[in-house]
Amino acid sequence: MISNLAYIHPEAQLGQNVTVSPFASIYGDVTIGDNTWIGPNAVIMDGARIGKNCKIFPGAVISAIPQDLKFKGEYTTAEIGDNTVIRECVTINKGTSDRKATKIGNNCLLMAYVHVAHDCFIGNQVIIANSVNLAGHITIEDWVILEGTVAAQQFITIGAHAFIAGASLVRKNVPPYIRVAREPLQFIGVNTIGLARRGYTKEAITQIEDIYRLIFVRGHNVSKALELVESEIPVSSEREQILGFIRNSKEGIVKGI
């Protein structure tokens, strides 16, 4: 259903069974997938690519130009996958010349007042709670949970299945599978509950705990810890994912206990 009180540019491409509520505004260079709901007063600007079965709540602004003085009007997009919910007053800026896009995956939930800056890449099944602020060029992998009022600085990466406690300041990369909290941000354990809910076996979770015990608890420097992981922990996809993530974190990872 399209309200006659909404503004929809004639060049906008809307799929089947799209609902556009009163006072929503949809610009011309926009595509919206089937069965998506656009709430009252939402603004969908040029460059928005929204998937199927999404819900965009009142006051959200999708694909506004970046808040980056280096942006010179280059063509970029803001892309949202299928089955994703964008709650009230969320702002998602489109990309710059760096990544050409800001991307949010499938089955995500962004709660009220979240800000996603230019060139952020967010994976699938990610939950971002109220008033989280993400600076530009951040990568968030699948199944991450950020609790309320987290603030993350530009260019960091948060690994898959990580859990970030509320009000945390994220200045370094967060490896996969762990929980972090406190100030400065530090490892407080493996995300065992989340992993169990997602079907990881007890053996896999125990191995992840053994890996991070070497990295964060035993007091080794990172290089020595990674050597011990390779020599003492059997090969697995989780082990290789952790080793690869940390070795690619040139600007460092969060602190240990």
C-alpha atoms as a PDB file:
ATOM      1  CA  MET A   1       0.000   0.000   0.000  1.00  0.00           C
ATOM      2  CA  ILE A   2       1.338   3.396  -1.001  1.00  0.00           C
ATOM      3  CA  SER A   3      -0.010   6.349   0.961  1.00  0.00           C
ATOM      4  CA  ASN A   4      -1.053   9.334  -1.105  1.00  0.00           C
ATOM      5  CA  LEU A   5       0.628  11.431   1.581  1.00  0.00           C
ATOM      6  CA  ALA A   6       4.052   9.938   0.790  1.00  0.00           C
ATOM      7  CA  TYR A   7       6.509  11.357  -1.752  1.00  0.00           C
ATOM      8  CA  ILE A   8       7.913   8.807  -4.214  1.00  0.00           C
ATOM      9  CA  HIS A   9      10.093   9.946  -7.090  1.00  0.00           C
ATOM     10  CA  PRO A  10       8.794   8.531 -10.389  1.00  0.00           C
ATOM     11  CA  GLU A  11      12.136   6.856 -11.113  1.00  0.00           C
ATOM     12  CA  ALA A  12      12.279   4.967  -7.817  1.00  0.00           C
ATOM     13  CA  GLN A  13      11.994   1.184  -8.247  1.00  0.00           C
ATOM     14  CA  LEU A  14       9.679  -0.514  -5.771  1.00  0.00           C
ATOM     15  CA  GLY A  15       9.066  -4.252  -5.699  1.00  0.00           C
ATOM     16  CA  GLN A  16       5.783  -6.015  -5.159  1.00  0.00           C
ATOM     17  CA  ASN A  17       3.698  -5.468  -2.031  1.00  0.00           C
ATOM     18  CA  VAL A  18       5.842  -2.589  -0.749  1.00  0.00           C
ATOM     19  CA  THR A  19       4.167  -0.394   1.872  1.00  0.00           C
ATOM     20  CA  VAL A  20       5.053   3.289   1.996  1.00  0.00           C
ATOM     21  CA  SER A  21       3.506   5.129   4.947  1.00  0.00           C
ATOM     22  CA  PRO A  22       2.364   8.765   5.140  1.00  0.00           C
ATOM     23  CA  PHE A  23       5.033  11.449   4.910  1.00  0.00           C
ATOM     24  CA  ALA A  24       7.804   9.051   3.902  1.00  0.00           C
ATOM     25  CA  SER A  25      10.109  10.348   1.148  1.00  0.00           C
ATOM     26  CA  ILE A  26      11.730   8.120  -1.470  1.00  0.00           C
ATOM     27  CA  TYR A  27      14.211   9.650  -3.918  1.00  0.00           C
ATOM     28  CA  GLY A  28      14.778   8.648  -7.539  1.00  0.00           C
ATOM     29  CA  ASP A  29      17.917   6.482  -7.436  1.00  0.00           C
ATOM     30  CA  VAL A  30      16.403   3.976  -5.019  1.00  0.00           C
ATOM     31  CA  THR A  31      15.443   0.317  -5.238  1.00  0.00           C
ATOM     32  CA  ILE A  32      13.275  -1.400  -2.611  1.00  0.00           C
ATOM     33  CA  GLY A  33      12.607  -5.140  -2.582  1.00  0.00           C
ATOM     34  CA  ASP A  34       9.317  -7.010  -2.302  1.00  0.00           C
ATOM     35  CA  ASN A  35       7.257  -6.886   0.904  1.00  0.00           C
ATOM     36  CA  THR A  36       9.313  -4.131   2.518  1.00  0.00           C
ATOM     37  CA  TRP A  37       7.600  -1.673   4.844  1.00  0.00           C
ATOM     38  CA  ILE A  38       8.647   1.990   4.923  1.00  0.00           C
ATOM     39  CA  GLY A  39       7.352   3.757   8.018  1.00  0.00           C
ATOM     40  CA  PRO A  40       6.074   7.322   8.413  1.00  0.00           C
ATOM     41  CA  ASN A  41       8.622  10.095   7.949  1.00  0.00           C
ATOM     42  CA  ALA A  42      11.401   7.743   6.843  1.00  0.00           C
ATOM     43  CA  VAL A  43      13.676   9.252   4.191  1.00  0.00           C
ATOM     44  CA  ILE A  44      15.224   6.974   1.574  1.00  0.00           C
ATOM     45  CA  MET A  45      17.759   8.997  -0.427  1.00  0.00           C
ATOM     46  CA  ASP A  46      19.608   8.527  -3.705  1.00  0.00           C
ATOM     47  CA  GLY A  47      21.833   5.449  -3.738  1.00  0.00           C
ATOM     48  CA  ALA A  48      19.708   3.354  -1.380  1.00  0.00           C
ATOM     49  CA  ARG A  49      19.411  -0.345  -2.216  1.00  0.00           C
ATOM     50  CA  ILE A  50      16.999  -2.055   0.171  1.00  0.00           C
ATOM     51  CA  GLY A  51      16.249  -5.771   0.046  1.00  0.00           C
ATOM     52  CA  LYS A  52      13.118  -7.849   0.529  1.00  0.00           C
ATOM     53  CA  ASN A  53      11.011  -8.116   3.688  1.00  0.00           C
ATOM     54  CA  CYS A  54      12.733  -5.196   5.417  1.00  0.00           C
ATOM     55  CA  LYS A  55      11.159  -2.807   7.916  1.00  0.00           C
ATOM     56  CA  ILE A  56      12.307   0.827   7.978  1.00  0.00           C
ATOM     57  CA  PHE A  57      10.795   2.590  10.995  1.00  0.00           C
ATOM     58  CA  PRO A  58       9.755   6.250  11.390  1.00  0.00           C
ATOM     59  CA  GLY A  59      12.448   8.883  11.212  1.00  0.00           C
ATOM     60  CA  ALA A  60      15.154   6.667   9.711  1.00  0.00           C
ATOM     61  CA  VAL A  61      17.370   8.271   7.056  1.00  0.00           C
ATOM     62  CA  ILE A  62      18.986   5.872   4.599  1.00  0.00           C
ATOM     63  CA  SER A  63      21.755   6.822   2.136  1.00  0.00           C
ATOM     64  CA  ALA A  64      22.367  10.449   3.082  1.00  0.00           C
ATOM     65  CA  ILE A  65      25.717  11.762   1.864  1.00  0.00           C
ATOM     66  CA  PRO A  66      28.732  10.982   4.100  1.00  0.00           C
ATOM     67  CA  GLN A  67      29.689  13.248   6.962  1.00  0.00           C
ATOM     68  CA  ASP A  68      33.206  13.289   5.555  1.00  0.00           C
ATOM     69  CA  LEU A  69      34.873  16.432   4.231  1.00  0.00           C
ATOM     70  CA  LYS A  70      36.780  14.333   1.693  1.00  0.00           C
ATOM     71  CA  PHE A  71      33.538  13.336  -0.045  1.00  0.00           C
ATOM     72  CA  LYS A  72      33.342  15.100  -3.422  1.00  0.00           C
ATOM     73  CA  GLY A  73      30.017  13.844  -4.672  1.00  0.00           C
ATOM     74  CA  GLU A  74      31.303  10.585  -6.200  1.00  0.00           C
ATOM     75  CA  TYR A  75      28.650   7.961  -6.975  1.00  0.00           C
ATOM     76  CA  THR A  76      28.211   5.574  -4.061  1.00  0.00           C
ATOM     77  CA  THR A  77      25.451   3.540  -2.425  1.00  0.00           C
ATOM     78  CA  ALA A  78      23.983   2.379   0.867  1.00  0.00           C
ATOM     79  CA  GLU A  79      22.896  -1.256   0.657  1.00  0.00           C
ATOM     80  CA  ILE A  80      20.630  -3.184   3.045  1.00  0.00           C
ATOM     81  CA  GLY A  81      20.050  -6.931   2.695  1.00  0.00           C
ATOM     82  CA  ASP A  82      16.871  -8.963   3.084  1.00  0.00           C
ATOM     83  CA  ASN A  83      14.840  -9.326   6.295  1.00  0.00           C
ATOM     84  CA  THR A  84      16.643  -6.499   8.057  1.00  0.00           C
ATOM     85  CA  VAL A  85      14.919  -4.176  10.547  1.00  0.00           C
ATOM     86  CA  ILE A  86      15.967  -0.532  10.854  1.00  0.00           C
ATOM     87  CA  ARG A  87      14.336   1.063  13.885  1.00  0.00           C
ATOM     88  CA  GLU A  88      13.403   4.675  14.671  1.00  0.00           C
ATOM     89  CA  CYS A  89      15.788   7.484  13.734  1.00  0.00           C
ATOM     90  CA  VAL A  90      18.621   5.263  12.535  1.00  0.00           C
ATOM     91  CA  THR A  91      20.983   7.040  10.112  1.00  0.00           C
ATOM     92  CA  ILE A  92      22.937   5.098   7.483  1.00  0.00           C
ATOM     93  CA  ASN A  93      25.251   7.192   5.295  1.00  0.00           C
ATOM     94  CA  LYS A  94      26.320   5.992   1.863  1.00  0.00           C
ATOM     95  CA  GLY A  95      29.943   5.290   0.966  1.00  0.00           C
ATOM     96  CA  THR A  96      32.851   7.368  -0.272  1.00  0.00           C
ATOM     97  CA  SER A  97      35.547   6.675  -2.861  1.00  0.00           C
ATOM     98  CA  ASP A  98      37.175   4.253  -0.402  1.00  0.00           C
ATOM     99  CA  ARG A  99      34.691   1.352  -0.546  1.00  0.00           C
ATOM    100  CA  LYS A 100      32.058   2.900  -2.820  1.00  0.00           C
ATOM    101  CA  ALA A 101      29.287   1.663  -0.525  1.00  0.00           C
ATOM    102  CA  THR A 102      27.995   1.209   2.978  1.00  0.00           C
ATOM    103  CA  LYS A 103      26.616  -2.316   3.388  1.00  0.00           C
ATOM    104  CA  ILE A 104      24.340  -4.016   5.894  1.00  0.00           C
ATOM    105  CA  GLY A 105      23.633  -7.714   5.474  1.00  0.00           C
ATOM    106  CA  ASN A 106      20.622  -9.979   5.827  1.00  0.00           C
ATOM    107  CA  ASN A 107      18.590 -10.586   8.984  1.00  0.00           C
ATOM    108  CA  CYS A 108      20.087  -7.701  10.935  1.00  0.00           C
ATOM    109  CA  LEU A 109      18.484  -5.528  13.612  1.00  0.00           C
ATOM    110  CA  LEU A 110      19.577  -1.931  14.103  1.00  0.00           C
ATOM    111  CA  MET A 111      17.770  -0.445  17.089  1.00  0.00           C
ATOM    112  CA  ALA A 112      16.732   3.179  17.554  1.00  0.00           C
ATOM    113  CA  TYR A 113      19.231   6.009  17.072  1.00  0.00           C
ATOM    114  CA  VAL A 114      22.046   3.874  15.678  1.00  0.00           C
ATOM    115  CA  HIS A 115      24.421   5.742  13.360  1.00  0.00           C
ATOM    116  CA  VAL A 116      26.279   3.852  10.634  1.00  0.00           C
ATOM    117  CA  ALA A 117      28.849   6.062   8.926  1.00  0.00           C
ATOM    118  CA  HIS A 118      30.193   5.854   5.383  1.00  0.00           C
ATOM    119  CA  ASP A 119      31.970   2.742   4.119  1.00  0.00           C
ATOM    120  CA  CYS A 120      30.932   0.477   6.983  1.00  0.00           C
ATOM    121  CA  PHE A 121      30.454  -3.158   6.013  1.00  0.00           C
ATOM    122  CA  ILE A 122      28.140  -5.057   8.373  1.00  0.00           C
ATOM    123  CA  GLY A 123      27.566  -8.782   7.919  1.00  0.00           C
ATOM    124  CA  ASN A 124      24.536 -10.998   8.399  1.00  0.00           C
ATOM    125  CA  GLN A 125      22.587 -11.703  11.600  1.00  0.00           C
ATOM    126  CA  VAL A 126      24.099  -8.665  13.354  1.00  0.00           C
ATOM    127  CA  ILE A 127      22.302  -6.958  16.250  1.00  0.00           C
ATOM    128  CA  ILE A 128      23.204  -3.347  17.052  1.00  0.00           C
ATOM    129  CA  ALA A 129      21.402  -1.953  20.086  1.00  0.00           C
ATOM    130  CA  ASN A 130      20.187   1.573  20.779  1.00  0.00           C
ATOM    131  CA  SER A 131      22.399   4.618  20.256  1.00  0.00           C
ATOM    132  CA  VAL A 132      25.461   2.775  18.959  1.00  0.00           C
ATOM    133  CA  ASN A 133      27.731   5.020  16.895  1.00  0.00           C
ATOM    134  CA  LEU A 134      29.926   3.539  14.186  1.00  0.00           C
ATOM    135  CA  ALA A 135      32.557   5.748  12.581  1.00  0.00           C
ATOM    136  CA  GLY A 136      33.565   5.279   8.956  1.00  0.00           C
ATOM    137  CA  HIS A 137      35.263   2.274   7.313  1.00  0.00           C
ATOM    138  CA  ILE A 138      34.347  -0.232  10.039  1.00  0.00           C
ATOM    139  CA  THR A 139      33.886  -3.936   9.271  1.00  0.00           C
ATOM    140  CA  ILE A 140      31.539  -6.000  11.437  1.00  0.00           C
ATOM    141  CA  GLU A 141      31.422  -9.707  10.630  1.00  0.00           C
ATOM    142  CA  ASP A 142      28.446 -12.080  10.949  1.00  0.00           C
ATOM    143  CA  TRP A 143      26.532 -12.726  14.202  1.00  0.00           C
ATOM    144  CA  VAL A 144      28.081  -9.834  16.149  1.00  0.00           C
ATOM    145  CA  ILE A 145      26.087  -8.210  18.961  1.00  0.00           C
ATOM    146  CA  LEU A 146      26.793  -4.624  20.069  1.00  0.00           C
ATOM    147  CA  GLU A 147      24.966  -3.529  23.207  1.00  0.00           C
ATOM    148  CA  GLY A 148      23.643  -0.004  23.692  1.00  0.00           C
ATOM    149  CA  THR A 149      25.723   3.177  23.387  1.00  0.00           C
ATOM    150  CA  VAL A 150      28.832   1.428  22.077  1.00  0.00           C
ATOM    151  CA  ALA A 151      31.096   3.807  20.150  1.00  0.00           C
ATOM    152  CA  ALA A 152      33.568   2.412  17.614  1.00  0.00           C
ATOM    153  CA  GLN A 153      36.341   4.356  15.931  1.00  0.00           C
ATOM    154  CA  GLN A 154      37.085   4.290  12.225  1.00  0.00           C
ATOM    155  CA  PHE A 155      38.802   1.415  10.388  1.00  0.00           C
ATOM    156  CA  ILE A 156      38.411  -1.223  13.103  1.00  0.00           C
ATOM    157  CA  THR A 157      37.144  -4.765  12.500  1.00  0.00           C
ATOM    158  CA  ILE A 158      34.910  -6.764  14.839  1.00  0.00           C
ATOM    159  CA  GLY A 159      35.151 -10.499  14.285  1.00  0.00           C
ATOM    160  CA  ALA A 160      32.298 -12.956  13.834  1.00  0.00           C
ATOM    161  CA  HIS A 161      30.248 -13.939  16.904  1.00  0.00           C
ATOM    162  CA  ALA A 162      31.861 -11.266  19.075  1.00  0.00           C
ATOM    163  CA  PHE A 163      29.832  -9.623  21.850  1.00  0.00           C
ATOM    164  CA  ILE A 164      30.536  -5.996  22.827  1.00  0.00           C
ATOM    165  CA  ALA A 165      29.237  -4.894  26.242  1.00  0.00           C
ATOM    166  CA  GLY A 166      27.161  -1.736  26.568  1.00  0.00           C
ATOM    167  CA  ALA A 167      28.848   1.680  26.639  1.00  0.00           C
ATOM    168  CA  SER A 168      32.152   0.242  25.416  1.00  0.00           C
ATOM    169  CA  LEU A 169      34.650   2.337  23.478  1.00  0.00           C
ATOM    170  CA  VAL A 170      36.088   0.218  20.668  1.00  0.00           C
ATOM    171  CA  ARG A 171      39.508   1.460  19.576  1.00  0.00           C
ATOM    172  CA  LYS A 172      41.169  -1.808  18.516  1.00  0.00           C
ATOM    173  CA  ASN A 173      40.090  -4.836  16.513  1.00  0.00           C
ATOM    174  CA  VAL A 174      37.982  -7.405  18.348  1.00  0.00           C
ATOM    175  CA  PRO A 175      38.812 -11.018  17.385  1.00  0.00           C
ATOM    176  CA  PRO A 176      36.021 -13.502  16.632  1.00  0.00           C
ATOM    177  CA  TYR A 177      34.080 -15.497  19.241  1.00  0.00           C
ATOM    178  CA  ILE A 178      34.903 -13.361  22.274  1.00  0.00           C
ATOM    179  CA  ARG A 179      33.153 -11.072  24.733  1.00  0.00           C
ATOM    180  CA  VAL A 180      34.731  -7.704  25.560  1.00  0.00           C
ATOM    181  CA  ALA A 181      33.970  -5.048  28.167  1.00  0.00           C
ATOM    182  CA  ARG A 182      35.548  -2.511  30.567  1.00  0.00           C
ATOM    183  CA  GLU A 183      37.683   0.548  29.864  1.00  0.00           C
ATOM    184  CA  PRO A 184      40.080   0.205  28.190  1.00  0.00           C
ATOM    185  CA  LEU A 185      38.281  -2.538  26.300  1.00  0.00           C
ATOM    186  CA  GLN A 186      39.503  -6.034  27.124  1.00  0.00           C
ATOM    187  CA  PHE A 187      38.761  -9.717  26.717  1.00  0.00           C
ATOM    188  CA  ILE A 188      36.380 -11.050  29.390  1.00  0.00           C
ATOM    189  CA  GLY A 189      35.730 -14.509  27.973  1.00  0.00           C
ATOM    190  CA  VAL A 190      34.522 -16.512  25.007  1.00  0.00           C
ATOM    191  CA  ASN A 191      30.945 -15.968  23.814  1.00  0.00           C
ATOM    192  CA  THR A 192      30.006 -19.493  24.874  1.00  0.00           C
ATOM    193  CA  ILE A 193      26.261 -18.872  25.209  1.00  0.00           C
ATOM    194  CA  GLY A 194      25.966 -17.304  21.785  1.00  0.00           C
ATOM    195  CA  LEU A 195      28.024 -20.042  20.159  1.00  0.00           C
ATOM    196  CA  ALA A 196      25.973 -22.798  21.785  1.00  0.00           C
ATOM    197  CA  ARG A 197      22.760 -21.163  20.602  1.00  0.00           C
ATOM    198  CA  ARG A 198      24.121 -21.143  17.065  1.00  0.00           C
ATOM    199  CA  GLY A 199      24.953 -24.836  17.030  1.00  0.00           C
ATOM    200  CA  TYR A 200      28.644 -24.930  17.900  1.00  0.00           C
ATOM    201  CA  THR A 201      29.592 -28.187  19.612  1.00  0.00           C
ATOM    202  CA  LYS A 202      31.023 -28.374  23.125  1.00  0.00           C
ATOM    203  CA  GLU A 203      34.299 -29.575  21.612  1.00  0.00           C
ATOM    204  CA  ALA A 204      34.535 -26.571  19.279  1.00  0.00           C
ATOM    205  CA  ILE A 205      33.737 -24.131  22.081  1.00  0.00           C
ATOM    206  CA  THR A 206      36.307 -25.768  24.366  1.00  0.00           C
ATOM    207  CA  GLN A 207      38.948 -25.449  21.653  1.00  0.00           C
ATOM    208  CA  ILE A 208      38.129 -21.760  21.188  1.00  0.00           C
ATOM    209  CA  GLU A 209      38.473 -21.264  24.947  1.00  0.00           C
ATOM    210  CA  ASP A 210      41.866 -23.033  24.871  1.00  0.00           C
ATOM    211  CA  ILE A 211      43.044 -20.776  22.053  1.00  0.00           C
ATOM    212  CA  TYR A 212      42.082 -17.581  23.829  1.00  0.00           C
ATOM    213  CA  ARG A 213      43.555 -18.798  27.105  1.00  0.00           C
ATOM    214  CA  LEU A 214      46.916 -18.833  25.348  1.00  0.00           C
ATOM    215  CA  ILE A 215      46.343 -15.484  23.657  1.00  0.00           C
ATOM    216  CA  PHE A 216      44.789 -13.439  26.455  1.00  0.00           C
ATOM    217  CA  VAL A 217      45.253 -15.154  29.852  1.00  0.00           C
ATOM    218  CA  ARG A 218      48.717 -16.712  30.052  1.00  0.00           C
ATOM    219  CA  GLY A 219      50.588 -13.410  29.720  1.00  0.00           C
ATOM    220  CA  HIS A 220      52.375 -14.114  26.436  1.00  0.00           C
ATOM    221  CA  ASN A 221      52.942 -11.425  23.860  1.00  0.00           C
ATOM    222  CA  VAL A 222      50.807 -11.847  20.769  1.00  0.00           C
ATOM    223  CA  SER A 223      53.541 -13.318  18.556  1.00  0.00           C
ATOM    224  CA  LYS A 224      54.489 -15.944  21.136  1.00  0.00           C
ATOM    225  CA  ALA A 225      50.823 -16.747  21.824  1.00  0.00           C
ATOM    226  CA  LEU A 226      50.145 -17.386  18.144  1.00  0.00           C
ATOM    227  CA  GLU A 227      53.154 -19.704  17.943  1.00  0.00           C
ATOM    228  CA  LEU A 228      51.812 -21.675  20.919  1.00  0.00           C
ATOM    229  CA  VAL A 229      48.346 -21.873  19.358  1.00  0.00           C
ATOM    230  CA  GLU A 230      49.854 -23.339  16.191  1.00  0.00           C
ATOM    231  CA  SER A 231      51.957 -25.856  18.078  1.00  0.00           C
ATOM    232  CA  GLU A 232      49.499 -26.908  20.788  1.00  0.00           C
ATOM    233  CA  ILE A 233      45.979 -26.567  19.303  1.00  0.00           C
ATOM    234  CA  PRO A 234      44.772 -28.994  16.611  1.00  0.00           C
ATOM    235  CA  VAL A 235      43.914 -27.545  13.218  1.00  0.00           C
ATOM    236  CA  SER A 236      40.267 -26.478  12.802  1.00  0.00           C
ATOM    237  CA  SER A 237      38.358 -23.854  10.880  1.00  0.00           C
ATOM    238  CA  GLU A 238      37.901 -21.853  14.102  1.00  0.00           C
ATOM    239  CA  ARG A 239      41.615 -21.966  14.887  1.00  0.00           C
ATOM    240  CA  GLU A 240      42.530 -20.803  11.391  1.00  0.00           C
ATOM    241  CA  GLN A 241      39.909 -18.035  11.510  1.00  0.00           C
ATOM    242  CA  ILE A 242      41.293 -16.698  14.791  1.00  0.00           C
ATOM    243  CA  LEU A 243      44.928 -16.889  13.665  1.00  0.00           C
ATOM    244  CA  GLY A 244      44.155 -15.189  10.359  1.00  0.00           C
ATOM    245  CA  PHE A 245      42.160 -12.416  12.005  1.00  0.00           C
ATOM    246  CA  ILE A 246      44.855 -11.551  14.542  1.00  0.00           C
ATOM    247  CA  ARG A 247      47.693 -11.682  12.020  1.00  0.00           C
ATOM    248  CA  ASN A 248      45.773  -9.307   9.763  1.00  0.00           C
ATOM    249  CA  SER A 249      45.140  -6.863  12.619  1.00  0.00           C
ATOM    250  CA  LYS A 250      48.110  -4.635  11.906  1.00  0.00           C
ATOM    251  CA  GLU A 251      46.951  -1.931  14.311  1.00  0.00           C
ATOM    252  CA  GLY A 252      46.435  -4.343  17.187  1.00  0.00           C
ATOM    253  CA  ILE A 253      43.665  -6.128  19.048  1.00  0.00           C
ATOM    254  CA  VAL A 254      41.899  -5.516  22.356  1.00  0.00           C
ATOM    255  CA  LYS A 255      43.741  -6.163  25.613  1.00  0.00           C
ATOM    256  CA  GLY A 256      43.889  -9.439  27.504  1.00  0.00           C
ATOM    257  CA  ILE A 257      42.927  -9.968  31.115  1.00  0.00           C
END
